Amino acid sequence: MAAFDFGNKFDPQLFEQKLNASVTVNAQDYVRQGWEMFKDHIGEFVGFTLIIFVGSALSSSLHAPGSLIFSAIAASFYAGYSIVAFMLLTGKPFQFGDFFRGFNYFLPLFLSTLAGGILVSIGLVFLIVPGIYLAVGYMFATFLVIDYRMDFWSAMEISRKIITRHWFSFFGFALILCALNFIGLLLLGVGLLVTLPVSACAAAIAYKEIIGLYSTEW
């Protein structure tokens, strides 16, 4: 997929079986598997996270323009964790450069993050609860973009509809990931070198367990 392709539009009805399936969200198991994945490739994950930190710091030094630029590419960086996690889950070897393959999906990822951020912000302004609902509901949007080559709106809507049927279970999972990264932040930020990749891998594992992987190459 080219970086500036919009992605493929999908009819939610094609996911009817997944939309109606009963699932169990094993949050602690996803985090445990995420930790094992991180531990087995600690050098690569920490190195990639350091690159993200350096990029964030450099963009902050440019003030508003730099922050806007980093916000635009942040989703592609995050997708890099997911792509490597998918490769490891399917037994494929990976190279460090594979972390940057998220940029192959730049436009739909950027639009998904932008639209999701706007809708969540509006929801938080209006009674807070709608914003929290959407923030959790869009949890799988990134994975659907890179796994199905979806356009941003299809990914957001299919993610929301799948998660809604088990929303409170996913909300608990999201709280665990937030708590994990908050602990990492408290450790002078150094802990984020561990918690960011672990939580990203845990989310990718949850996607694979609940929806299943569609592609064989990302």
N, C-alpha and C. Protein backbone atom coordinates (compact mmCIF):
# COMPACT_ATOMS: atom_id res chain seq x y z
N MET A 1 0.85 -1.19 0.00
CA MET A 1 0.00 0.00 0.00
C MET A 1 0.89 1.25 0.00
N ALA A 2 0.60 2.19 -0.89
CA ALA A 2 1.37 3.43 -0.95
C ALA A 2 0.96 4.35 0.19
N ALA A 3 1.91 5.15 0.64
CA ALA A 3 1.69 5.98 1.82
C ALA A 3 0.47 6.89 1.70
N PHE A 4 0.18 7.35 0.47
CA PHE A 4 -0.90 8.32 0.31
C PHE A 4 -2.15 7.72 -0.34
N ASP A 5 -2.25 6.38 -0.36
CA ASP A 5 -3.51 5.76 -0.74
C ASP A 5 -4.52 5.96 0.39
N PHE A 6 -5.78 6.11 0.01
CA PHE A 6 -6.82 6.28 1.03
C PHE A 6 -7.23 4.96 1.67
N GLY A 7 -6.90 3.85 1.03
CA GLY A 7 -7.32 2.56 1.55
C GLY A 7 -8.63 2.11 0.93
N ASN A 8 -9.03 0.88 1.25
CA ASN A 8 -10.23 0.28 0.67
C ASN A 8 -11.44 0.48 1.56
N LYS A 9 -12.56 0.77 0.94
CA LYS A 9 -13.80 0.92 1.69
C LYS A 9 -14.41 -0.46 1.90
N PHE A 10 -14.81 -0.75 3.14
CA PHE A 10 -15.39 -2.04 3.48
C PHE A 10 -16.80 -1.87 3.99
N ASP A 11 -17.67 -2.79 3.58
CA ASP A 11 -19.04 -2.81 4.08
C ASP A 11 -19.04 -3.53 5.43
N PRO A 12 -19.52 -2.88 6.50
CA PRO A 12 -19.55 -3.53 7.81
C PRO A 12 -20.28 -4.87 7.80
N GLN A 13 -21.20 -5.05 6.84
CA GLN A 13 -21.93 -6.31 6.77
C GLN A 13 -21.00 -7.49 6.47
N LEU A 14 -19.88 -7.22 5.82
CA LEU A 14 -18.91 -8.27 5.55
C LEU A 14 -18.30 -8.81 6.84
N PHE A 15 -18.44 -8.04 7.91
CA PHE A 15 -17.90 -8.45 9.21
C PHE A 15 -19.02 -8.91 10.15
N GLU A 16 -20.14 -9.29 9.55
CA GLU A 16 -21.30 -9.63 10.37
C GLU A 16 -21.00 -10.73 11.37
N GLN A 17 -20.27 -11.75 10.94
CA GLN A 17 -19.94 -12.84 11.85
C GLN A 17 -19.10 -12.36 13.02
N LYS A 18 -18.12 -11.49 12.71
CA LYS A 18 -17.26 -10.96 13.78
C LYS A 18 -18.05 -9.99 14.66
N LEU A 19 -18.99 -9.26 14.05
CA LEU A 19 -19.79 -8.32 14.83
C LEU A 19 -20.69 -9.04 15.82
N ASN A 20 -21.11 -10.24 15.48
CA ASN A 20 -22.04 -10.97 16.33
C ASN A 20 -21.39 -12.04 17.19
N ALA A 21 -20.08 -12.22 17.00
CA ALA A 21 -19.38 -13.28 17.73
C ALA A 21 -19.26 -12.93 19.21
N SER A 22 -19.34 -13.95 20.04
CA SER A 22 -19.12 -13.76 21.47
C SER A 22 -17.64 -13.94 21.76
N VAL A 23 -17.03 -12.99 22.43
CA VAL A 23 -15.60 -13.06 22.69
C VAL A 23 -15.32 -12.86 24.17
N THR A 24 -14.16 -13.33 24.59
CA THR A 24 -13.69 -13.11 25.95
C THR A 24 -12.42 -12.27 25.88
N VAL A 25 -12.42 -11.16 26.57
CA VAL A 25 -11.26 -10.26 26.57
C VAL A 25 -10.36 -10.63 27.74
N ASN A 26 -9.24 -11.29 27.45
CA ASN A 26 -8.30 -11.73 28.49
C ASN A 26 -7.19 -10.70 28.64
N ALA A 27 -7.52 -9.58 29.24
CA ALA A 27 -6.59 -8.45 29.30
C ALA A 27 -5.25 -8.81 29.91
N GLN A 28 -5.26 -9.50 31.03
CA GLN A 28 -4.00 -9.83 31.70
C GLN A 28 -3.14 -10.74 30.84
N ASP A 29 -3.77 -11.66 30.12
CA ASP A 29 -3.02 -12.56 29.26
C ASP A 29 -2.41 -11.81 28.09
N TYR A 30 -3.13 -10.83 27.54
CA TYR A 30 -2.58 -10.04 26.44
C TYR A 30 -1.35 -9.26 26.91
N VAL A 31 -1.42 -8.69 28.10
CA VAL A 31 -0.28 -7.95 28.63
C VAL A 31 0.90 -8.89 28.90
N ARG A 32 0.60 -10.08 29.43
CA ARG A 32 1.66 -11.06 29.68
C ARG A 32 2.35 -11.44 28.38
N GLN A 33 1.56 -11.73 27.34
CA GLN A 33 2.15 -12.07 26.05
C GLN A 33 2.92 -10.90 25.45
N GLY A 34 2.39 -9.68 25.65
CA GLY A 34 3.09 -8.49 25.18
C GLY A 34 4.44 -8.34 25.84
N TRP A 35 4.49 -8.63 27.14
CA TRP A 35 5.75 -8.56 27.88
C TRP A 35 6.74 -9.60 27.35
N GLU A 36 6.27 -10.82 27.12
CA GLU A 36 7.14 -11.87 26.60
C GLU A 36 7.69 -11.50 25.23
N MET A 37 6.83 -10.92 24.39
CA MET A 37 7.27 -10.49 23.06
C MET A 37 8.34 -9.40 23.17
N PHE A 38 8.10 -8.44 24.04
CA PHE A 38 9.06 -7.37 24.27
C PHE A 38 10.38 -7.92 24.80
N LYS A 39 10.28 -8.80 25.79
CA LYS A 39 11.48 -9.34 26.45
C LYS A 39 12.36 -10.10 25.47
N ASP A 40 11.75 -10.81 24.53
CA ASP A 40 12.52 -11.59 23.56
C ASP A 40 13.22 -10.73 22.52
N HIS A 41 12.76 -9.48 22.37
CA HIS A 41 13.34 -8.57 21.36
C HIS A 41 13.54 -7.19 21.99
N ILE A 42 14.08 -7.18 23.19
CA ILE A 42 14.15 -5.95 23.97
C ILE A 42 14.99 -4.87 23.29
N GLY A 43 16.09 -5.26 22.67
CA GLY A 43 16.96 -4.27 22.03
C GLY A 43 16.26 -3.53 20.91
N GLU A 44 15.56 -4.27 20.06
CA GLU A 44 14.86 -3.65 18.93
C GLU A 44 13.73 -2.75 19.39
N PHE A 45 12.93 -3.22 20.36
CA PHE A 45 11.80 -2.42 20.84
C PHE A 45 12.26 -1.15 21.56
N VAL A 46 13.27 -1.28 22.40
CA VAL A 46 13.77 -0.10 23.12
C VAL A 46 14.41 0.87 22.14
N GLY A 47 15.16 0.35 21.17
CA GLY A 47 15.80 1.22 20.18
C GLY A 47 14.78 2.02 19.38
N PHE A 48 13.70 1.35 18.95
CA PHE A 48 12.67 2.04 18.19
C PHE A 48 11.96 3.08 19.05
N THR A 49 11.70 2.73 20.30
CA THR A 49 11.03 3.68 21.21
C THR A 49 11.91 4.89 21.46
N LEU A 50 13.21 4.69 21.55
CA LEU A 50 14.13 5.82 21.72
C LEU A 50 14.07 6.75 20.51
N ILE A 51 13.96 6.17 19.32
CA ILE A 51 13.85 7.00 18.11
C ILE A 51 12.58 7.85 18.18
N ILE A 52 11.49 7.27 18.65
CA ILE A 52 10.24 8.02 18.79
C ILE A 52 10.43 9.15 19.80
N PHE A 53 11.10 8.85 20.91
CA PHE A 53 11.33 9.88 21.93
C PHE A 53 12.17 11.02 21.38
N VAL A 54 13.21 10.68 20.63
CA VAL A 54 14.08 11.71 20.06
C VAL A 54 13.29 12.56 19.07
N GLY A 55 12.48 11.90 18.24
CA GLY A 55 11.66 12.64 17.28
C GLY A 55 10.68 13.57 17.97
N SER A 56 10.10 13.09 19.06
CA SER A 56 9.16 13.92 19.82
C SER A 56 9.86 15.12 20.45
N ALA A 57 11.07 14.88 21.00
CA ALA A 57 11.82 15.96 21.62
C ALA A 57 12.25 17.01 20.60
N LEU A 58 12.71 16.56 19.44
CA LEU A 58 13.13 17.49 18.40
C LEU A 58 11.96 18.31 17.88
N SER A 59 10.81 17.67 17.72
CA SER A 59 9.63 18.40 17.24
C SER A 59 9.15 19.41 18.27
N SER A 60 9.28 19.07 19.55
CA SER A 60 8.87 20.00 20.61
C SER A 60 9.74 21.25 20.60
N SER A 61 11.01 21.07 20.22
CA SER A 61 11.91 22.23 20.19
C SER A 61 11.53 23.22 19.10
N LEU A 62 10.73 22.75 18.13
CA LEU A 62 10.27 23.62 17.05
C LEU A 62 8.93 24.27 17.37
N HIS A 63 8.47 24.01 18.61
CA HIS A 63 7.20 24.57 19.10
C HIS A 63 6.01 24.09 18.27
N ALA A 64 5.09 24.96 17.97
CA ALA A 64 3.82 24.54 17.35
C ALA A 64 4.00 23.79 16.02
N PRO A 65 4.81 24.30 15.08
CA PRO A 65 4.97 23.57 13.81
C PRO A 65 5.51 22.16 14.01
N GLY A 66 6.49 22.03 14.89
CA GLY A 66 7.08 20.71 15.13
C GLY A 66 6.09 19.76 15.77
N SER A 67 5.28 20.29 16.71
CA SER A 67 4.29 19.44 17.37
C SER A 67 3.25 18.95 16.37
N LEU A 68 2.87 19.80 15.43
CA LEU A 68 1.90 19.41 14.42
C LEU A 68 2.46 18.32 13.52
N ILE A 69 3.74 18.46 13.16
CA ILE A 69 4.38 17.47 12.30
C ILE A 69 4.44 16.12 13.01
N PHE A 70 4.86 16.14 14.28
CA PHE A 70 4.97 14.87 15.00
C PHE A 70 3.61 14.24 15.21
N SER A 71 2.60 15.06 15.48
CA SER A 71 1.24 14.52 15.64
C SER A 71 0.79 13.82 14.37
N ALA A 72 1.21 14.35 13.22
CA ALA A 72 0.80 13.77 11.93
C ALA A 72 1.43 12.41 11.70
N ILE A 73 2.66 12.21 12.20
CA ILE A 73 3.35 10.95 11.93
C ILE A 73 3.29 9.96 13.10
N ALA A 74 2.75 10.40 14.23
CA ALA A 74 2.73 9.54 15.43
C ALA A 74 2.01 8.22 15.18
N ALA A 75 0.89 8.25 14.46
CA ALA A 75 0.12 7.03 14.22
C ALA A 75 0.93 6.03 13.39
N SER A 76 1.74 6.53 12.45
CA SER A 76 2.57 5.63 11.64
C SER A 76 3.66 4.99 12.49
N PHE A 77 4.21 5.75 13.43
CA PHE A 77 5.17 5.16 14.36
C PHE A 77 4.51 4.06 15.20
N TYR A 78 3.33 4.37 15.74
CA TYR A 78 2.63 3.40 16.58
C TYR A 78 2.32 2.14 15.76
N ALA A 79 1.94 2.31 14.50
CA ALA A 79 1.63 1.16 13.64
C ALA A 79 2.85 0.27 13.46
N GLY A 80 4.04 0.85 13.58
CA GLY A 80 5.25 0.05 13.46
C GLY A 80 5.33 -1.04 14.52
N TYR A 81 4.94 -0.70 15.75
CA TYR A 81 4.88 -1.72 16.79
C TYR A 81 3.94 -2.85 16.36
N SER A 82 2.78 -2.48 15.83
CA SER A 82 1.76 -3.46 15.46
C SER A 82 2.25 -4.38 14.35
N ILE A 83 2.91 -3.80 13.35
CA ILE A 83 3.39 -4.60 12.22
C ILE A 83 4.42 -5.62 12.70
N VAL A 84 5.35 -5.19 13.53
CA VAL A 84 6.36 -6.12 14.06
C VAL A 84 5.69 -7.18 14.94
N ALA A 85 4.72 -6.77 15.74
CA ALA A 85 4.00 -7.73 16.58
C ALA A 85 3.29 -8.78 15.71
N PHE A 86 2.65 -8.34 14.62
CA PHE A 86 1.98 -9.27 13.72
C PHE A 86 2.98 -10.25 13.11
N MET A 87 4.14 -9.74 12.73
CA MET A 87 5.17 -10.61 12.15
C MET A 87 5.63 -11.66 13.15
N LEU A 88 5.83 -11.25 14.39
CA LEU A 88 6.26 -12.19 15.43
C LEU A 88 5.16 -13.20 15.74
N LEU A 89 3.91 -12.76 15.74
CA LEU A 89 2.79 -13.65 16.03
C LEU A 89 2.63 -14.72 14.95
N THR A 90 3.06 -14.42 13.74
CA THR A 90 2.93 -15.39 12.64
C THR A 90 4.26 -16.07 12.31
N GLY A 91 5.24 -15.90 13.19
CA GLY A 91 6.51 -16.60 13.03
C GLY A 91 7.40 -16.07 11.94
N LYS A 92 7.18 -14.85 11.50
CA LYS A 92 8.00 -14.27 10.44
C LYS A 92 9.21 -13.56 11.03
N PRO A 93 10.38 -13.69 10.42
CA PRO A 93 11.54 -12.92 10.88
C PRO A 93 11.34 -11.45 10.54
N PHE A 94 11.93 -10.59 11.34
CA PHE A 94 11.81 -9.16 11.04
C PHE A 94 13.16 -8.48 11.19
N GLN A 95 13.28 -7.37 10.49
CA GLN A 95 14.45 -6.52 10.61
C GLN A 95 14.03 -5.20 11.25
N PHE A 96 15.00 -4.46 11.77
CA PHE A 96 14.67 -3.23 12.48
C PHE A 96 13.89 -2.26 11.59
N GLY A 97 14.20 -2.25 10.32
CA GLY A 97 13.52 -1.35 9.39
C GLY A 97 12.03 -1.61 9.28
N ASP A 98 11.59 -2.82 9.68
CA ASP A 98 10.16 -3.13 9.60
C ASP A 98 9.32 -2.27 10.54
N PHE A 99 9.95 -1.72 11.57
CA PHE A 99 9.23 -0.82 12.48
C PHE A 99 8.70 0.41 11.73
N PHE A 100 9.33 0.75 10.64
CA PHE A 100 8.96 1.97 9.92
C PHE A 100 7.97 1.71 8.79
N ARG A 101 7.52 0.47 8.66
CA ARG A 101 6.57 0.15 7.60
C ARG A 101 5.18 0.73 7.86
N GLY A 102 4.96 1.24 9.05
CA GLY A 102 3.70 1.93 9.32
C GLY A 102 3.50 3.13 8.40
N PHE A 103 4.60 3.68 7.90
CA PHE A 103 4.50 4.84 7.02
C PHE A 103 3.94 4.47 5.64
N ASN A 104 3.88 3.17 5.34
CA ASN A 104 3.21 2.74 4.11
C ASN A 104 1.71 3.01 4.16
N TYR A 105 1.20 3.24 5.37
CA TYR A 105 -0.24 3.47 5.57
C TYR A 105 -0.49 4.87 6.12
N PHE A 106 0.42 5.77 5.79
CA PHE A 106 0.42 7.10 6.42
C PHE A 106 -0.93 7.80 6.35
N LEU A 107 -1.50 7.94 5.16
CA LEU A 107 -2.70 8.76 5.01
C LEU A 107 -3.90 8.21 5.77
N PRO A 108 -4.29 6.93 5.59
CA PRO A 108 -5.43 6.44 6.37
C PRO A 108 -5.19 6.45 7.88
N LEU A 109 -3.95 6.21 8.29
CA LEU A 109 -3.65 6.26 9.72
C LEU A 109 -3.76 7.69 10.25
N PHE A 110 -3.23 8.63 9.49
CA PHE A 110 -3.33 10.03 9.89
C PHE A 110 -4.78 10.48 9.97
N LEU A 111 -5.58 10.13 8.95
CA LEU A 111 -6.98 10.54 8.93
C LEU A 111 -7.78 9.88 10.05
N SER A 112 -7.45 8.63 10.34
CA SER A 112 -8.11 7.92 11.44
C SER A 112 -7.82 8.59 12.77
N THR A 113 -6.55 8.94 12.98
CA THR A 113 -6.17 9.61 14.23
C THR A 113 -6.80 10.99 14.33
N LEU A 114 -6.80 11.72 13.22
CA LEU A 114 -7.38 13.07 13.22
C LEU A 114 -8.88 13.03 13.47
N ALA A 115 -9.58 12.20 12.69
CA ALA A 115 -11.04 12.13 12.84
C ALA A 115 -11.42 11.57 14.20
N GLY A 116 -10.70 10.53 14.64
CA GLY A 116 -10.98 9.95 15.95
C GLY A 116 -10.75 10.95 17.07
N GLY A 117 -9.64 11.70 16.97
CA GLY A 117 -9.34 12.71 17.99
C GLY A 117 -10.40 13.79 18.06
N ILE A 118 -10.88 14.22 16.90
CA ILE A 118 -11.92 15.26 16.87
C ILE A 118 -13.21 14.74 17.49
N LEU A 119 -13.63 13.53 17.09
CA LEU A 119 -14.88 12.97 17.60
C LEU A 119 -14.81 12.68 19.10
N VAL A 120 -13.68 12.15 19.54
CA VAL A 120 -13.51 11.88 20.98
C VAL A 120 -13.53 13.18 21.76
N SER A 121 -12.87 14.23 21.25
CA SER A 121 -12.86 15.52 21.93
C SER A 121 -14.25 16.11 22.03
N ILE A 122 -15.01 16.02 20.95
CA ILE A 122 -16.39 16.52 20.97
C ILE A 122 -17.20 15.73 21.99
N GLY A 123 -17.00 14.41 22.01
CA GLY A 123 -17.72 13.57 22.97
C GLY A 123 -17.37 13.89 24.41
N LEU A 124 -16.10 14.24 24.66
CA LEU A 124 -15.69 14.59 26.02
C LEU A 124 -16.30 15.92 26.46
N VAL A 125 -16.46 16.82 25.51
CA VAL A 125 -17.08 18.11 25.83
C VAL A 125 -18.54 17.90 26.20
N PHE A 126 -19.22 17.02 25.47
CA PHE A 126 -20.63 16.76 25.72
C PHE A 126 -20.80 15.56 26.65
N LEU A 127 -20.78 15.84 27.94
CA LEU A 127 -21.09 14.86 28.98
C LEU A 127 -20.01 13.81 29.24
N ILE A 128 -18.85 13.91 28.55
CA ILE A 128 -17.67 13.07 28.79
C ILE A 128 -17.87 11.61 28.34
N VAL A 129 -18.99 11.01 28.74
CA VAL A 129 -19.21 9.58 28.46
C VAL A 129 -19.10 9.24 26.97
N PRO A 130 -19.71 10.02 26.06
CA PRO A 130 -19.56 9.68 24.63
C PRO A 130 -18.12 9.67 24.17
N GLY A 131 -17.31 10.56 24.71
CA GLY A 131 -15.90 10.60 24.34
C GLY A 131 -15.16 9.37 24.79
N ILE A 132 -15.43 8.92 26.01
CA ILE A 132 -14.80 7.70 26.52
C ILE A 132 -15.25 6.49 25.70
N TYR A 133 -16.53 6.46 25.38
CA TYR A 133 -17.07 5.36 24.56
C TYR A 133 -16.34 5.27 23.23
N LEU A 134 -16.15 6.40 22.55
CA LEU A 134 -15.50 6.40 21.24
C LEU A 134 -14.01 6.08 21.36
N ALA A 135 -13.36 6.61 22.38
CA ALA A 135 -11.93 6.37 22.56
C ALA A 135 -11.65 4.87 22.67
N VAL A 136 -12.48 4.16 23.40
CA VAL A 136 -12.34 2.71 23.51
C VAL A 136 -12.78 2.03 22.22
N GLY A 137 -13.86 2.51 21.64
CA GLY A 137 -14.41 1.89 20.43
C GLY A 137 -13.47 1.91 19.25
N TYR A 138 -12.61 2.89 19.17
CA TYR A 138 -11.68 3.00 18.04
C TYR A 138 -10.37 2.25 18.27
N MET A 139 -10.30 1.44 19.30
CA MET A 139 -9.06 0.77 19.69
C MET A 139 -8.44 -0.07 18.56
N PHE A 140 -9.28 -0.69 17.74
CA PHE A 140 -8.77 -1.57 16.69
C PHE A 140 -8.64 -0.89 15.33
N ALA A 141 -8.90 0.39 15.24
CA ALA A 141 -8.90 1.08 13.94
C ALA A 141 -7.54 0.98 13.25
N THR A 142 -6.47 1.22 13.98
CA THR A 142 -5.12 1.14 13.40
C THR A 142 -4.85 -0.24 12.83
N PHE A 143 -5.23 -1.28 13.57
CA PHE A 143 -4.97 -2.64 13.12
C PHE A 143 -5.75 -2.98 11.86
N LEU A 144 -6.99 -2.50 11.77
CA LEU A 144 -7.80 -2.77 10.59
C LEU A 144 -7.24 -2.06 9.36
N VAL A 145 -6.66 -0.88 9.56
CA VAL A 145 -6.04 -0.17 8.44
C VAL A 145 -4.87 -0.96 7.89
N ILE A 146 -3.99 -1.45 8.76
CA ILE A 146 -2.79 -2.12 8.28
C ILE A 146 -3.04 -3.58 7.91
N ASP A 147 -4.07 -4.20 8.47
CA ASP A 147 -4.34 -5.61 8.20
C ASP A 147 -5.25 -5.80 6.98
N TYR A 148 -6.23 -4.90 6.80
CA TYR A 148 -7.17 -5.00 5.69
C TYR A 148 -6.95 -3.92 4.62
N ARG A 149 -5.98 -3.03 4.85
CA ARG A 149 -5.77 -1.88 3.95
C ARG A 149 -7.04 -1.04 3.86
N MET A 150 -7.73 -0.87 4.97
CA MET A 150 -9.00 -0.15 5.00
C MET A 150 -8.81 1.35 4.92
N ASP A 151 -9.84 2.03 4.41
CA ASP A 151 -9.88 3.48 4.54
C ASP A 151 -10.19 3.80 6.00
N PHE A 152 -9.89 5.02 6.39
CA PHE A 152 -9.94 5.37 7.82
C PHE A 152 -11.35 5.25 8.40
N TRP A 153 -12.38 5.65 7.66
CA TRP A 153 -13.72 5.65 8.25
C TRP A 153 -14.26 4.23 8.40
N SER A 154 -14.00 3.37 7.42
CA SER A 154 -14.41 1.97 7.56
C SER A 154 -13.75 1.34 8.78
N ALA A 155 -12.45 1.60 8.94
CA ALA A 155 -11.71 1.03 10.08
C ALA A 155 -12.28 1.51 11.40
N MET A 156 -12.58 2.80 11.48
CA MET A 156 -13.13 3.35 12.72
C MET A 156 -14.49 2.76 13.05
N GLU A 157 -15.35 2.67 12.04
CA GLU A 157 -16.72 2.20 12.27
C GLU A 157 -16.77 0.70 12.58
N ILE A 158 -15.97 -0.09 11.86
CA ILE A 158 -15.96 -1.53 12.12
C ILE A 158 -15.37 -1.81 13.50
N SER A 159 -14.30 -1.10 13.84
CA SER A 159 -13.72 -1.23 15.18
C SER A 159 -14.77 -0.90 16.24
N ARG A 160 -15.44 0.20 16.06
CA ARG A 160 -16.44 0.63 17.06
C ARG A 160 -17.56 -0.40 17.21
N LYS A 161 -18.03 -0.93 16.09
CA LYS A 161 -19.15 -1.87 16.15
C LYS A 161 -18.76 -3.20 16.79
N ILE A 162 -17.54 -3.67 16.49
CA ILE A 162 -17.07 -4.92 17.09
C ILE A 162 -16.87 -4.76 18.59
N ILE A 163 -16.26 -3.66 18.98
CA ILE A 163 -15.94 -3.43 20.39
C ILE A 163 -17.19 -3.11 21.21
N THR A 164 -18.18 -2.47 20.62
CA THR A 164 -19.36 -2.04 21.36
C THR A 164 -20.06 -3.21 22.05
N ARG A 165 -20.10 -4.38 21.41
CA ARG A 165 -20.81 -5.52 21.99
C ARG A 165 -20.15 -6.01 23.27
N HIS A 166 -18.88 -5.69 23.46
CA HIS A 166 -18.16 -6.10 24.66
C HIS A 166 -17.42 -4.89 25.24
N TRP A 167 -18.08 -3.75 25.19
CA TRP A 167 -17.40 -2.48 25.47
C TRP A 167 -16.78 -2.43 26.86
N PHE A 168 -17.47 -2.89 27.87
CA PHE A 168 -16.94 -2.77 29.23
C PHE A 168 -15.70 -3.64 29.43
N SER A 169 -15.64 -4.79 28.75
CA SER A 169 -14.44 -5.61 28.82
C SER A 169 -13.25 -4.90 28.18
N PHE A 170 -13.50 -4.28 27.03
CA PHE A 170 -12.44 -3.53 26.37
C PHE A 170 -12.06 -2.28 27.16
N PHE A 171 -13.03 -1.69 27.82
CA PHE A 171 -12.74 -0.53 28.67
C PHE A 171 -11.79 -0.93 29.79
N GLY A 172 -12.03 -2.10 30.39
CA GLY A 172 -11.12 -2.59 31.43
C GLY A 172 -9.73 -2.82 30.89
N PHE A 173 -9.64 -3.36 29.67
CA PHE A 173 -8.34 -3.57 29.03
C PHE A 173 -7.64 -2.25 28.79
N ALA A 174 -8.38 -1.26 28.29
CA ALA A 174 -7.81 0.07 28.05
C ALA A 174 -7.31 0.70 29.34
N LEU A 175 -8.04 0.51 30.43
CA LEU A 175 -7.61 1.06 31.73
C LEU A 175 -6.29 0.42 32.17
N ILE A 176 -6.16 -0.88 31.95
CA ILE A 176 -4.91 -1.56 32.32
C ILE A 176 -3.74 -1.00 31.52
N LEU A 177 -3.94 -0.79 30.22
CA LEU A 177 -2.86 -0.23 29.38
C LEU A 177 -2.51 1.19 29.81
N CYS A 178 -3.54 1.98 30.14
CA CYS A 178 -3.29 3.36 30.60
C CYS A 178 -2.54 3.36 31.92
N ALA A 179 -2.93 2.47 32.83
CA ALA A 179 -2.26 2.37 34.13
C ALA A 179 -0.80 1.94 33.95
N LEU A 180 -0.58 1.01 33.03
CA LEU A 180 0.77 0.54 32.75
C LEU A 180 1.67 1.68 32.28
N ASN A 181 1.16 2.50 31.35
CA ASN A 181 1.95 3.61 30.84
C ASN A 181 2.07 4.74 31.83
N PHE A 182 1.08 4.90 32.71
CA PHE A 182 1.19 5.91 33.76
C PHE A 182 2.31 5.55 34.72
N ILE A 183 2.42 4.27 35.03
CA ILE A 183 3.52 3.81 35.89
C ILE A 183 4.86 4.08 35.19
N GLY A 184 4.90 3.80 33.88
CA GLY A 184 6.12 4.08 33.11
C GLY A 184 6.49 5.55 33.14
N LEU A 185 5.48 6.40 33.09
CA LEU A 185 5.71 7.85 33.13
C LEU A 185 6.23 8.28 34.49
N LEU A 186 5.71 7.67 35.55
CA LEU A 186 6.15 8.01 36.90
C LEU A 186 7.63 7.66 37.12
N LEU A 187 8.10 6.66 36.41
CA LEU A 187 9.50 6.26 36.56
C LEU A 187 10.39 7.17 35.71
N LEU A 188 10.19 8.47 35.89
CA LEU A 188 10.96 9.51 35.23
C LEU A 188 10.90 9.39 33.71
N GLY A 189 9.83 8.76 33.21
CA GLY A 189 9.68 8.61 31.78
C GLY A 189 10.46 7.44 31.20
N VAL A 190 11.50 6.98 31.93
CA VAL A 190 12.33 5.87 31.43
C VAL A 190 11.51 4.60 31.33
N GLY A 191 10.56 4.45 32.24
CA GLY A 191 9.72 3.27 32.22
C GLY A 191 8.90 3.14 30.94
N LEU A 192 8.68 4.26 30.26
CA LEU A 192 7.93 4.23 29.01
C LEU A 192 8.67 3.46 27.91
N LEU A 193 9.99 3.35 28.04
CA LEU A 193 10.75 2.55 27.09
C LEU A 193 10.30 1.09 27.12
N VAL A 194 9.74 0.69 28.25
CA VAL A 194 9.21 -0.67 28.39
C VAL A 194 7.71 -0.69 28.18
N THR A 195 7.01 0.21 28.86
CA THR A 195 5.54 0.12 28.87
C THR A 195 4.90 0.46 27.53
N LEU A 196 5.49 1.40 26.77
CA LEU A 196 4.91 1.74 25.47
C LEU A 196 4.92 0.53 24.51
N PRO A 197 6.07 -0.11 24.29
CA PRO A 197 6.05 -1.27 23.40
C PRO A 197 5.25 -2.45 23.95
N VAL A 198 5.30 -2.66 25.27
CA VAL A 198 4.54 -3.77 25.85
C VAL A 198 3.05 -3.56 25.64
N SER A 199 2.56 -2.34 25.89
CA SER A 199 1.13 -2.07 25.73
C SER A 199 0.72 -2.13 24.26
N ALA A 200 1.60 -1.66 23.36
CA ALA A 200 1.30 -1.72 21.92
C ALA A 200 1.22 -3.17 21.46
N CYS A 201 2.15 -4.00 21.91
CA CYS A 201 2.12 -5.42 21.56
C CYS A 201 0.90 -6.11 22.14
N ALA A 202 0.54 -5.76 23.37
CA ALA A 202 -0.63 -6.36 24.01
C ALA A 202 -1.89 -6.05 23.22
N ALA A 203 -2.02 -4.82 22.73
CA ALA A 203 -3.19 -4.44 21.94
C ALA A 203 -3.21 -5.20 20.61
N ALA A 204 -2.05 -5.36 19.99
CA ALA A 204 -1.98 -6.11 18.73
C ALA A 204 -2.35 -7.58 18.95
N ILE A 205 -1.92 -8.13 20.07
CA ILE A 205 -2.26 -9.51 20.41
C ILE A 205 -3.75 -9.65 20.63
N ALA A 206 -4.36 -8.66 21.29
CA ALA A 206 -5.81 -8.68 21.50
C ALA A 206 -6.54 -8.67 20.17
N TYR A 207 -6.08 -7.85 19.24
CA TYR A 207 -6.70 -7.80 17.92
C TYR A 207 -6.62 -9.16 17.23
N LYS A 208 -5.44 -9.77 17.28
CA LYS A 208 -5.25 -11.06 16.62
C LYS A 208 -6.13 -12.13 17.25
N GLU A 209 -6.25 -12.12 18.58
CA GLU A 209 -7.04 -13.13 19.26
C GLU A 209 -8.53 -12.95 19.01
N ILE A 210 -8.98 -11.73 18.91
CA ILE A 210 -10.42 -11.44 18.83
C ILE A 210 -10.93 -11.38 17.40
N ILE A 211 -10.18 -10.75 16.51
CA ILE A 211 -10.61 -10.59 15.12
C ILE A 211 -9.89 -11.57 14.20
N GLY A 212 -8.63 -11.84 14.51
CA GLY A 212 -7.83 -12.70 13.65
C GLY A 212 -7.12 -11.89 12.58
N LEU A 213 -5.98 -12.38 12.14
CA LEU A 213 -5.21 -11.68 11.12
C LEU A 213 -5.71 -12.05 9.74
N TYR A 214 -5.92 -11.03 8.92
CA TYR A 214 -6.43 -11.21 7.57
C TYR A 214 -5.29 -11.34 6.57
N SER A 215 -4.32 -10.46 6.66
CA SER A 215 -3.20 -10.45 5.72
C SER A 215 -2.08 -11.36 6.19
N THR A 216 -1.16 -11.61 5.30
CA THR A 216 0.05 -12.33 5.65
C THR A 216 1.28 -11.44 5.50
N GLU A 217 1.09 -10.28 4.91
CA GLU A 217 2.16 -9.29 4.76
C GLU A 217 1.62 -7.94 5.16
N TRP A 218 2.43 -7.19 5.91
CA TRP A 218 1.98 -5.87 6.36
C TRP A 218 3.02 -4.81 5.97
